[in-house]
mmCIF file of all heavy atoms, coordinates in Angstrom:
data_MODEL
# 
_entry.id   MODEL 
# 
loop_
_atom_site.group_PDB 
_atom_site.id 
_atom_site.type_symbol 
_atom_site.label_atom_id 
_atom_site.label_alt_id 
_atom_site.label_comp_id 
_atom_site.label_asym_id 
_atom_site.label_entity_id 
_atom_site.label_seq_id 
_atom_site.pdbx_PDB_ins_code 
_atom_site.Cartn_x 
_atom_site.Cartn_y 
_atom_site.Cartn_z 
_atom_site.occupancy 
_atom_site.B_iso_or_equiv 
_atom_site.pdbx_formal_charge 
_atom_site.auth_seq_id 
_atom_site.auth_comp_id 
_atom_site.auth_asym_id 
_atom_site.auth_atom_id 
_atom_site.pdbx_PDB_model_num 
ATOM 1   N N   . SER A 1 1  ? 62.242 -20.030 -53.729 1.00 0.00 ? 1  SER A N   1 
ATOM 2   C CA  . SER A 1 1  ? 62.665 -19.043 -52.791 1.00 0.00 ? 1  SER A CA  1 
ATOM 3   C C   . SER A 1 1  ? 64.013 -19.449 -52.266 1.00 0.00 ? 1  SER A C   1 
ATOM 4   O O   . SER A 1 1  ? 64.076 -20.292 -51.349 1.00 0.00 ? 1  SER A O   1 
ATOM 5   C CB  . SER A 1 1  ? 61.624 -18.916 -51.630 1.00 0.00 ? 1  SER A CB  1 
ATOM 6   O OG  . SER A 1 1  ? 60.395 -18.432 -52.139 1.00 0.00 ? 1  SER A OG  1 
ATOM 7   N N   . ASN A 1 2  ? 65.051 -18.850 -52.782 1.00 0.00 ? 2  ASN A N   1 
ATOM 8   C CA  . ASN A 1 2  ? 66.412 -19.205 -52.443 1.00 0.00 ? 2  ASN A CA  1 
ATOM 9   C C   . ASN A 1 2  ? 67.192 -18.004 -51.800 1.00 0.00 ? 2  ASN A C   1 
ATOM 10  O O   . ASN A 1 2  ? 66.783 -16.892 -51.921 1.00 0.00 ? 2  ASN A O   1 
ATOM 11  C CB  . ASN A 1 2  ? 67.144 -19.640 -53.682 1.00 0.00 ? 2  ASN A CB  1 
ATOM 12  C CG  . ASN A 1 2  ? 66.530 -20.808 -54.307 1.00 0.00 ? 2  ASN A CG  1 
ATOM 13  O OD1 . ASN A 1 2  ? 65.920 -21.709 -53.648 1.00 0.00 ? 2  ASN A OD1 1 
ATOM 14  N ND2 . ASN A 1 2  ? 66.691 -20.919 -55.591 1.00 0.00 ? 2  ASN A ND2 1 
ATOM 15  N N   . ASP A 1 3  ? 68.227 -18.332 -51.074 1.00 0.00 ? 3  ASP A N   1 
ATOM 16  C CA  . ASP A 1 3  ? 69.191 -17.338 -50.492 1.00 0.00 ? 3  ASP A CA  1 
ATOM 17  C C   . ASP A 1 3  ? 68.526 -16.411 -49.559 1.00 0.00 ? 3  ASP A C   1 
ATOM 18  O O   . ASP A 1 3  ? 68.860 -15.175 -49.473 1.00 0.00 ? 3  ASP A O   1 
ATOM 19  C CB  . ASP A 1 3  ? 69.807 -16.567 -51.652 1.00 0.00 ? 3  ASP A CB  1 
ATOM 20  C CG  . ASP A 1 3  ? 70.587 -17.485 -52.617 1.00 0.00 ? 3  ASP A CG  1 
ATOM 21  O OD1 . ASP A 1 3  ? 71.625 -18.073 -52.150 1.00 0.00 ? 3  ASP A OD1 1 
ATOM 22  O OD2 . ASP A 1 3  ? 70.167 -17.660 -53.761 1.00 0.00 ? 3  ASP A OD2 1 
ATOM 23  N N   . ASN A 1 4  ? 67.569 -16.799 -48.756 1.00 0.00 ? 4  ASN A N   1 
ATOM 24  C CA  . ASN A 1 4  ? 66.935 -15.981 -47.752 1.00 0.00 ? 4  ASN A CA  1 
ATOM 25  C C   . ASN A 1 4  ? 67.610 -16.300 -46.387 1.00 0.00 ? 4  ASN A C   1 
ATOM 26  O O   . ASN A 1 4  ? 68.160 -17.371 -46.151 1.00 0.00 ? 4  ASN A O   1 
ATOM 27  C CB  . ASN A 1 4  ? 65.425 -16.311 -47.707 1.00 0.00 ? 4  ASN A CB  1 
ATOM 28  C CG  . ASN A 1 4  ? 64.751 -15.977 -48.983 1.00 0.00 ? 4  ASN A CG  1 
ATOM 29  O OD1 . ASN A 1 4  ? 64.601 -14.867 -49.315 1.00 0.00 ? 4  ASN A OD1 1 
ATOM 30  N ND2 . ASN A 1 4  ? 64.330 -17.028 -49.724 1.00 0.00 ? 4  ASN A ND2 1 
ATOM 31  N N   . ARG A 1 5  ? 67.412 -15.429 -45.447 1.00 0.00 ? 5  ARG A N   1 
ATOM 32  C CA  . ARG A 1 5  ? 67.903 -15.626 -44.045 1.00 0.00 ? 5  ARG A CA  1 
ATOM 33  C C   . ARG A 1 5  ? 66.732 -15.490 -43.043 1.00 0.00 ? 5  ARG A C   1 
ATOM 34  O O   . ARG A 1 5  ? 66.068 -14.443 -42.982 1.00 0.00 ? 5  ARG A O   1 
ATOM 35  C CB  . ARG A 1 5  ? 69.037 -14.596 -43.722 1.00 0.00 ? 5  ARG A CB  1 
ATOM 36  C CG  . ARG A 1 5  ? 69.541 -14.728 -42.300 1.00 0.00 ? 5  ARG A CG  1 
ATOM 37  C CD  . ARG A 1 5  ? 70.905 -13.997 -42.146 1.00 0.00 ? 5  ARG A CD  1 
ATOM 38  N NE  . ARG A 1 5  ? 70.843 -12.650 -42.592 1.00 0.00 ? 5  ARG A NE  1 
ATOM 39  C CZ  . ARG A 1 5  ? 70.507 -11.620 -41.759 1.00 0.00 ? 5  ARG A CZ  1 
ATOM 40  N NH1 . ARG A 1 5  ? 70.164 -11.807 -40.586 1.00 0.00 ? 5  ARG A NH1 1 
ATOM 41  N NH2 . ARG A 1 5  ? 70.519 -10.386 -42.283 1.00 0.00 ? 5  ARG A NH2 1 
ATOM 42  N N   . ILE A 1 6  ? 66.512 -16.528 -42.251 1.00 0.00 ? 6  ILE A N   1 
ATOM 43  C CA  . ILE A 1 6  ? 65.480 -16.573 -41.265 1.00 0.00 ? 6  ILE A CA  1 
ATOM 44  C C   . ILE A 1 6  ? 66.231 -16.659 -39.874 1.00 0.00 ? 6  ILE A C   1 
ATOM 45  O O   . ILE A 1 6  ? 66.858 -17.640 -39.610 1.00 0.00 ? 6  ILE A O   1 
ATOM 46  C CB  . ILE A 1 6  ? 64.564 -17.848 -41.374 1.00 0.00 ? 6  ILE A CB  1 
ATOM 47  C CG1 . ILE A 1 6  ? 64.087 -17.968 -42.838 1.00 0.00 ? 6  ILE A CG1 1 
ATOM 48  C CG2 . ILE A 1 6  ? 63.337 -17.692 -40.473 1.00 0.00 ? 6  ILE A CG2 1 
ATOM 49  C CD1 . ILE A 1 6  ? 63.397 -16.842 -43.406 1.00 0.00 ? 6  ILE A CD1 1 
ATOM 50  N N   . GLU A 1 7  ? 66.219 -15.484 -39.119 1.00 0.00 ? 7  GLU A N   1 
ATOM 51  C CA  . GLU A 1 7  ? 67.058 -15.494 -37.994 1.00 0.00 ? 7  GLU A CA  1 
ATOM 52  C C   . GLU A 1 7  ? 66.404 -14.873 -36.745 1.00 0.00 ? 7  GLU A C   1 
ATOM 53  O O   . GLU A 1 7  ? 65.672 -13.821 -36.862 1.00 0.00 ? 7  GLU A O   1 
ATOM 54  C CB  . GLU A 1 7  ? 68.371 -14.595 -38.326 1.00 0.00 ? 7  GLU A CB  1 
ATOM 55  C CG  . GLU A 1 7  ? 69.413 -14.604 -37.237 1.00 0.00 ? 7  GLU A CG  1 
ATOM 56  C CD  . GLU A 1 7  ? 70.650 -13.945 -37.667 1.00 0.00 ? 7  GLU A CD  1 
ATOM 57  O OE1 . GLU A 1 7  ? 70.740 -13.525 -38.838 1.00 0.00 ? 7  GLU A OE1 1 
ATOM 58  O OE2 . GLU A 1 7  ? 71.599 -13.930 -36.854 1.00 0.00 ? 7  GLU A OE2 1 
ATOM 59  N N   . ALA A 1 8  ? 66.646 -15.466 -35.592 1.00 0.00 ? 8  ALA A N   1 
ATOM 60  C CA  . ALA A 1 8  ? 66.330 -14.928 -34.293 1.00 0.00 ? 8  ALA A CA  1 
ATOM 61  C C   . ALA A 1 8  ? 64.808 -14.622 -34.079 1.00 0.00 ? 8  ALA A C   1 
ATOM 62  O O   . ALA A 1 8  ? 64.414 -13.623 -33.426 1.00 0.00 ? 8  ALA A O   1 
ATOM 63  C CB  . ALA A 1 8  ? 67.198 -13.676 -33.954 1.00 0.00 ? 8  ALA A CB  1 
ATOM 64  N N   . ASN A 1 9  ? 63.983 -15.432 -34.703 1.00 0.00 ? 9  ASN A N   1 
ATOM 65  C CA  . ASN A 1 9  ? 62.542 -15.293 -34.515 1.00 0.00 ? 9  ASN A CA  1 
ATOM 66  C C   . ASN A 1 9  ? 62.073 -16.107 -33.341 1.00 0.00 ? 9  ASN A C   1 
ATOM 67  O O   . ASN A 1 9  ? 62.630 -17.222 -33.082 1.00 0.00 ? 9  ASN A O   1 
ATOM 68  C CB  . ASN A 1 9  ? 61.843 -15.655 -35.789 1.00 0.00 ? 9  ASN A CB  1 
ATOM 69  C CG  . ASN A 1 9  ? 62.170 -14.817 -36.962 1.00 0.00 ? 9  ASN A CG  1 
ATOM 70  O OD1 . ASN A 1 9  ? 61.693 -13.638 -37.116 1.00 0.00 ? 9  ASN A OD1 1 
ATOM 71  N ND2 . ASN A 1 9  ? 62.994 -15.369 -37.811 1.00 0.00 ? 9  ASN A ND2 1 
ATOM 72  N N   . LEU A 1 10 ? 61.010 -15.713 -32.655 1.00 0.00 ? 10 LEU A N   1 
ATOM 73  C CA  . LEU A 1 10 ? 60.428 -16.480 -31.567 1.00 0.00 ? 10 LEU A CA  1 
ATOM 74  C C   . LEU A 1 10 ? 59.049 -16.912 -32.082 1.00 0.00 ? 10 LEU A C   1 
ATOM 75  O O   . LEU A 1 10 ? 58.183 -16.098 -32.365 1.00 0.00 ? 10 LEU A O   1 
ATOM 76  C CB  . LEU A 1 10 ? 60.262 -15.651 -30.291 1.00 0.00 ? 10 LEU A CB  1 
ATOM 77  C CG  . LEU A 1 10 ? 59.449 -16.307 -29.164 1.00 0.00 ? 10 LEU A CG  1 
ATOM 78  C CD1 . LEU A 1 10 ? 60.142 -17.604 -28.689 1.00 0.00 ? 10 LEU A CD1 1 
ATOM 79  C CD2 . LEU A 1 10 ? 59.309 -15.315 -28.012 1.00 0.00 ? 10 LEU A CD2 1 
ATOM 80  N N   . ILE A 1 11 ? 58.818 -18.226 -32.244 1.00 0.00 ? 11 ILE A N   1 
ATOM 81  C CA  . ILE A 1 11 ? 57.633 -18.818 -32.833 1.00 0.00 ? 11 ILE A CA  1 
ATOM 82  C C   . ILE A 1 11 ? 57.046 -19.793 -31.751 1.00 0.00 ? 11 ILE A C   1 
ATOM 83  O O   . ILE A 1 11 ? 57.677 -20.873 -31.395 1.00 0.00 ? 11 ILE A O   1 
ATOM 84  C CB  . ILE A 1 11 ? 57.882 -19.497 -34.087 1.00 0.00 ? 11 ILE A CB  1 
ATOM 85  C CG1 . ILE A 1 11 ? 58.575 -18.575 -35.067 1.00 0.00 ? 11 ILE A CG1 1 
ATOM 86  C CG2 . ILE A 1 11 ? 56.578 -20.074 -34.672 1.00 0.00 ? 11 ILE A CG2 1 
ATOM 87  C CD1 . ILE A 1 11 ? 59.022 -19.292 -36.360 1.00 0.00 ? 11 ILE A CD1 1 
ATOM 88  N N   . GLU A 1 12 ? 55.834 -19.510 -31.224 1.00 0.00 ? 12 GLU A N   1 
ATOM 89  C CA  . GLU A 1 12 ? 55.215 -20.301 -30.187 1.00 0.00 ? 12 GLU A CA  1 
ATOM 90  C C   . GLU A 1 12 ? 53.803 -20.732 -30.563 1.00 0.00 ? 12 GLU A C   1 
ATOM 91  O O   . GLU A 1 12 ? 53.042 -19.886 -31.120 1.00 0.00 ? 12 GLU A O   1 
ATOM 92  C CB  . GLU A 1 12 ? 55.209 -19.489 -28.806 1.00 0.00 ? 12 GLU A CB  1 
ATOM 93  C CG  . GLU A 1 12 ? 56.583 -19.182 -28.271 1.00 0.00 ? 12 GLU A CG  1 
ATOM 94  C CD  . GLU A 1 12 ? 56.470 -18.480 -26.985 1.00 0.00 ? 12 GLU A CD  1 
ATOM 95  O OE1 . GLU A 1 12 ? 56.032 -17.279 -26.972 1.00 0.00 ? 12 GLU A OE1 1 
ATOM 96  O OE2 . GLU A 1 12 ? 56.845 -19.095 -25.962 1.00 0.00 ? 12 GLU A OE2 1 
ATOM 97  N N   . GLU A 1 13 ? 53.473 -21.965 -30.353 1.00 0.00 ? 13 GLU A N   1 
ATOM 98  C CA  . GLU A 1 13 ? 52.137 -22.512 -30.534 1.00 0.00 ? 13 GLU A CA  1 
ATOM 99  C C   . GLU A 1 13 ? 51.670 -22.180 -31.969 1.00 0.00 ? 13 GLU A C   1 
ATOM 100 O O   . GLU A 1 13 ? 50.459 -21.854 -32.132 1.00 0.00 ? 13 GLU A O   1 
ATOM 101 C CB  . GLU A 1 13 ? 51.185 -22.016 -29.435 1.00 0.00 ? 13 GLU A CB  1 
ATOM 102 C CG  . GLU A 1 13 ? 51.580 -22.477 -28.082 1.00 0.00 ? 13 GLU A CG  1 
ATOM 103 C CD  . GLU A 1 13 ? 50.674 -21.958 -27.012 1.00 0.00 ? 13 GLU A CD  1 
ATOM 104 O OE1 . GLU A 1 13 ? 49.811 -21.094 -27.269 1.00 0.00 ? 13 GLU A OE1 1 
ATOM 105 O OE2 . GLU A 1 13 ? 50.752 -22.434 -25.853 1.00 0.00 ? 13 GLU A OE2 1 
ATOM 106 N N   . SER A 1 14 ? 52.556 -22.365 -32.921 1.00 0.00 ? 14 SER A N   1 
ATOM 107 C CA  . SER A 1 14 ? 52.196 -22.063 -34.326 1.00 0.00 ? 14 SER A CA  1 
ATOM 108 C C   . SER A 1 14 ? 52.737 -23.164 -35.092 1.00 0.00 ? 14 SER A C   1 
ATOM 109 O O   . SER A 1 14 ? 53.159 -24.228 -34.557 1.00 0.00 ? 14 SER A O   1 
ATOM 110 C CB  . SER A 1 14 ? 52.845 -20.755 -34.786 1.00 0.00 ? 14 SER A CB  1 
ATOM 111 O OG  . SER A 1 14 ? 52.424 -19.644 -33.986 1.00 0.00 ? 14 SER A OG  1 
ATOM 112 N N   . GLY A 1 15 ? 52.788 -23.138 -36.446 1.00 0.00 ? 15 GLY A N   1 
ATOM 113 C CA  . GLY A 1 15 ? 53.597 -24.050 -37.199 1.00 0.00 ? 15 GLY A CA  1 
ATOM 114 C C   . GLY A 1 15 ? 55.059 -23.724 -36.999 1.00 0.00 ? 15 GLY A C   1 
ATOM 115 O O   . GLY A 1 15 ? 55.367 -22.706 -36.298 1.00 0.00 ? 15 GLY A O   1 
ATOM 116 N N   . GLY A 1 16 ? 55.895 -24.461 -37.587 1.00 0.00 ? 16 GLY A N   1 
ATOM 117 C CA  . GLY A 1 16 ? 57.362 -24.225 -37.488 1.00 0.00 ? 16 GLY A CA  1 
ATOM 118 C C   . GLY A 1 16 ? 57.885 -23.445 -38.655 1.00 0.00 ? 16 GLY A C   1 
ATOM 119 O O   . GLY A 1 16 ? 57.170 -22.605 -39.274 1.00 0.00 ? 16 GLY A O   1 
ATOM 120 N N   . ILE A 1 17 ? 59.136 -23.627 -38.992 1.00 0.00 ? 17 ILE A N   1 
ATOM 121 C CA  . ILE A 1 17 ? 59.759 -23.086 -40.132 1.00 0.00 ? 17 ILE A CA  1 
ATOM 122 C C   . ILE A 1 17 ? 59.907 -24.176 -41.221 1.00 0.00 ? 17 ILE A C   1 
ATOM 123 O O   . ILE A 1 17 ? 60.426 -25.230 -40.952 1.00 0.00 ? 17 ILE A O   1 
ATOM 124 C CB  . ILE A 1 17 ? 61.197 -22.563 -39.750 1.00 0.00 ? 17 ILE A CB  1 
ATOM 125 C CG1 . ILE A 1 17 ? 61.089 -21.479 -38.694 1.00 0.00 ? 17 ILE A CG1 1 
ATOM 126 C CG2 . ILE A 1 17 ? 61.885 -22.029 -41.058 1.00 0.00 ? 17 ILE A CG2 1 
ATOM 127 C CD1 . ILE A 1 17 ? 62.405 -21.107 -38.102 1.00 0.00 ? 17 ILE A CD1 1 
ATOM 128 N N   . GLU A 1 18 ? 59.332 -23.845 -42.393 1.00 0.00 ? 18 GLU A N   1 
ATOM 129 C CA  . GLU A 1 18 ? 59.261 -24.855 -43.481 1.00 0.00 ? 18 GLU A CA  1 
ATOM 130 C C   . GLU A 1 18 ? 60.061 -24.351 -44.674 1.00 0.00 ? 18 GLU A C   1 
ATOM 131 O O   . GLU A 1 18 ? 59.885 -23.223 -45.074 1.00 0.00 ? 18 GLU A O   1 
ATOM 132 C CB  . GLU A 1 18 ? 57.823 -25.083 -43.921 1.00 0.00 ? 18 GLU A CB  1 
ATOM 133 C CG  . GLU A 1 18 ? 56.877 -25.556 -42.873 1.00 0.00 ? 18 GLU A CG  1 
ATOM 134 C CD  . GLU A 1 18 ? 55.433 -25.612 -43.417 1.00 0.00 ? 18 GLU A CD  1 
ATOM 135 O OE1 . GLU A 1 18 ? 55.011 -26.675 -44.018 1.00 0.00 ? 18 GLU A OE1 1 
ATOM 136 O OE2 . GLU A 1 18 ? 54.732 -24.600 -43.323 1.00 0.00 ? 18 GLU A OE2 1 
ATOM 137 N N   . LEU A 1 19 ? 60.924 -25.187 -45.146 1.00 0.00 ? 19 LEU A N   1 
ATOM 138 C CA  . LEU A 1 19 ? 61.663 -24.938 -46.411 1.00 0.00 ? 19 LEU A CA  1 
ATOM 139 C C   . LEU A 1 19 ? 61.183 -25.925 -47.465 1.00 0.00 ? 19 LEU A C   1 
ATOM 140 O O   . LEU A 1 19 ? 61.374 -27.182 -47.251 1.00 0.00 ? 19 LEU A O   1 
ATOM 141 C CB  . LEU A 1 19 ? 63.176 -25.082 -46.211 1.00 0.00 ? 19 LEU A CB  1 
ATOM 142 C CG  . LEU A 1 19 ? 63.838 -24.191 -45.117 1.00 0.00 ? 19 LEU A CG  1 
ATOM 143 C CD1 . LEU A 1 19 ? 65.362 -24.398 -45.136 1.00 0.00 ? 19 LEU A CD1 1 
ATOM 144 C CD2 . LEU A 1 19 ? 63.468 -22.708 -45.352 1.00 0.00 ? 19 LEU A CD2 1 
ATOM 145 N N   . LEU A 1 20 ? 60.454 -25.489 -48.426 1.00 0.00 ? 20 LEU A N   1 
ATOM 146 C CA  . LEU A 1 20 ? 59.816 -26.389 -49.484 1.00 0.00 ? 20 LEU A CA  1 
ATOM 147 C C   . LEU A 1 20 ? 60.466 -26.058 -50.818 1.00 0.00 ? 20 LEU A C   1 
ATOM 148 O O   . LEU A 1 20 ? 60.269 -24.978 -51.342 1.00 0.00 ? 20 LEU A O   1 
ATOM 149 C CB  . LEU A 1 20 ? 58.348 -26.149 -49.467 1.00 0.00 ? 20 LEU A CB  1 
ATOM 150 C CG  . LEU A 1 20 ? 57.631 -26.221 -48.068 1.00 0.00 ? 20 LEU A CG  1 
ATOM 151 C CD1 . LEU A 1 20 ? 56.211 -25.796 -48.226 1.00 0.00 ? 20 LEU A CD1 1 
ATOM 152 C CD2 . LEU A 1 20 ? 57.663 -27.708 -47.573 1.00 0.00 ? 20 LEU A CD2 1 
ATOM 153 N N   . GLU A 1 21 ? 61.227 -26.941 -51.393 1.00 0.00 ? 21 GLU A N   1 
ATOM 154 C CA  . GLU A 1 21 ? 61.913 -26.807 -52.623 1.00 0.00 ? 21 GLU A CA  1 
ATOM 155 C C   . GLU A 1 21 ? 62.746 -25.548 -52.649 1.00 0.00 ? 21 GLU A C   1 
ATOM 156 O O   . GLU A 1 21 ? 62.845 -24.879 -53.643 1.00 0.00 ? 21 GLU A O   1 
ATOM 157 C CB  . GLU A 1 21 ? 60.953 -26.792 -53.791 1.00 0.00 ? 21 GLU A CB  1 
ATOM 158 C CG  . GLU A 1 21 ? 60.132 -28.126 -53.884 1.00 0.00 ? 21 GLU A CG  1 
ATOM 159 C CD  . GLU A 1 21 ? 59.183 -28.132 -55.096 1.00 0.00 ? 21 GLU A CD  1 
ATOM 160 O OE1 . GLU A 1 21 ? 59.654 -27.829 -56.224 1.00 0.00 ? 21 GLU A OE1 1 
ATOM 161 O OE2 . GLU A 1 21 ? 57.975 -28.426 -54.904 1.00 0.00 ? 21 GLU A OE2 1 
ATOM 162 N N   . ALA A 1 22 ? 63.400 -25.269 -51.505 1.00 0.00 ? 22 ALA A N   1 
ATOM 163 C CA  . ALA A 1 22 ? 64.127 -24.024 -51.328 1.00 0.00 ? 22 ALA A CA  1 
ATOM 164 C C   . ALA A 1 22 ? 65.664 -24.361 -51.179 1.00 0.00 ? 22 ALA A C   1 
ATOM 165 O O   . ALA A 1 22 ? 65.936 -25.371 -50.525 1.00 0.00 ? 22 ALA A O   1 
ATOM 166 C CB  . ALA A 1 22 ? 63.689 -23.326 -50.095 1.00 0.00 ? 22 ALA A CB  1 
ATOM 167 N N   . GLU A 1 23 ? 66.499 -23.570 -51.696 1.00 0.00 ? 23 GLU A N   1 
ATOM 168 C CA  . GLU A 1 23 ? 67.968 -23.784 -51.653 1.00 0.00 ? 23 GLU A CA  1 
ATOM 169 C C   . GLU A 1 23 ? 68.728 -22.629 -51.130 1.00 0.00 ? 23 GLU A C   1 
ATOM 170 O O   . GLU A 1 23 ? 68.347 -21.447 -51.237 1.00 0.00 ? 23 GLU A O   1 
ATOM 171 C CB  . GLU A 1 23 ? 68.458 -24.116 -53.046 1.00 0.00 ? 23 GLU A CB  1 
ATOM 172 C CG  . GLU A 1 23 ? 67.831 -25.392 -53.673 1.00 0.00 ? 23 GLU A CG  1 
ATOM 173 C CD  . GLU A 1 23 ? 68.307 -25.656 -55.081 1.00 0.00 ? 23 GLU A CD  1 
ATOM 174 O OE1 . GLU A 1 23 ? 69.103 -24.938 -55.581 1.00 0.00 ? 23 GLU A OE1 1 
ATOM 175 O OE2 . GLU A 1 23 ? 67.944 -26.782 -55.644 1.00 0.00 ? 23 GLU A OE2 1 
ATOM 176 N N   . ARG A 1 24 ? 69.836 -22.942 -50.427 1.00 0.00 ? 24 ARG A N   1 
ATOM 177 C CA  . ARG A 1 24 ? 70.818 -21.989 -49.968 1.00 0.00 ? 24 ARG A CA  1 
ATOM 178 C C   . ARG A 1 24 ? 70.220 -20.924 -48.980 1.00 0.00 ? 24 ARG A C   1 
ATOM 179 O O   . ARG A 1 24 ? 70.735 -19.815 -48.969 1.00 0.00 ? 24 ARG A O   1 
ATOM 180 C CB  . ARG A 1 24 ? 71.504 -21.260 -51.191 1.00 0.00 ? 24 ARG A CB  1 
ATOM 181 C CG  . ARG A 1 24 ? 72.272 -22.189 -52.034 1.00 0.00 ? 24 ARG A CG  1 
ATOM 182 C CD  . ARG A 1 24 ? 72.976 -21.397 -53.237 1.00 0.00 ? 24 ARG A CD  1 
ATOM 183 N NE  . ARG A 1 24 ? 72.109 -20.562 -53.905 1.00 0.00 ? 24 ARG A NE  1 
ATOM 184 C CZ  . ARG A 1 24 ? 71.334 -20.940 -54.904 1.00 0.00 ? 24 ARG A CZ  1 
ATOM 185 N NH1 . ARG A 1 24 ? 71.240 -22.210 -55.271 1.00 0.00 ? 24 ARG A NH1 1 
ATOM 186 N NH2 . ARG A 1 24 ? 70.461 -20.096 -55.485 1.00 0.00 ? 24 ARG A NH2 1 
ATOM 187 N N   . ASN A 1 25 ? 69.230 -21.344 -48.230 1.00 0.00 ? 25 ASN A N   1 
ATOM 188 C CA  . ASN A 1 25 ? 68.731 -20.459 -47.229 1.00 0.00 ? 25 ASN A CA  1 
ATOM 189 C C   . ASN A 1 25 ? 69.463 -20.716 -45.864 1.00 0.00 ? 25 ASN A C   1 
ATOM 190 O O   . ASN A 1 25 ? 70.019 -21.795 -45.651 1.00 0.00 ? 25 ASN A O   1 
ATOM 191 C CB  . ASN A 1 25 ? 67.173 -20.746 -46.989 1.00 0.00 ? 25 ASN A CB  1 
ATOM 192 C CG  . ASN A 1 25 ? 66.453 -20.350 -48.231 1.00 0.00 ? 25 ASN A CG  1 
ATOM 193 O OD1 . ASN A 1 25 ? 66.125 -19.264 -48.504 1.00 0.00 ? 25 ASN A OD1 1 
ATOM 194 N ND2 . ASN A 1 25 ? 66.105 -21.373 -49.104 1.00 0.00 ? 25 ASN A ND2 1 
ATOM 195 N N   . GLN A 1 26 ? 69.438 -19.710 -45.017 1.00 0.00 ? 26 GLN A N   1 
ATOM 196 C CA  . GLN A 1 26 ? 70.020 -19.799 -43.648 1.00 0.00 ? 26 GLN A CA  1 
ATOM 197 C C   . GLN A 1 26 ? 68.955 -19.666 -42.621 1.00 0.00 ? 26 GLN A C   1 
ATOM 198 O O   . GLN A 1 26 ? 68.186 -18.726 -42.636 1.00 0.00 ? 26 GLN A O   1 
ATOM 199 C CB  . GLN A 1 26 ? 71.081 -18.674 -43.473 1.00 0.00 ? 26 GLN A CB  1 
ATOM 200 C CG  . GLN A 1 26 ? 72.206 -18.808 -44.476 1.00 0.00 ? 26 GLN A CG  1 
ATOM 201 C CD  . GLN A 1 26 ? 73.256 -17.729 -44.162 1.00 0.00 ? 26 GLN A CD  1 
ATOM 202 O OE1 . GLN A 1 26 ? 73.895 -17.750 -43.106 1.00 0.00 ? 26 GLN A OE1 1 
ATOM 203 N NE2 . GLN A 1 26 ? 73.473 -16.865 -45.152 1.00 0.00 ? 26 GLN A NE2 1 
# 
């Protein structure tokens, strides 16, 4: 999963943001 944008999300009392074998994401 490459070249995706993860922006301005609010994440509480959950897991975090994970990039696994992923490239060129923001």
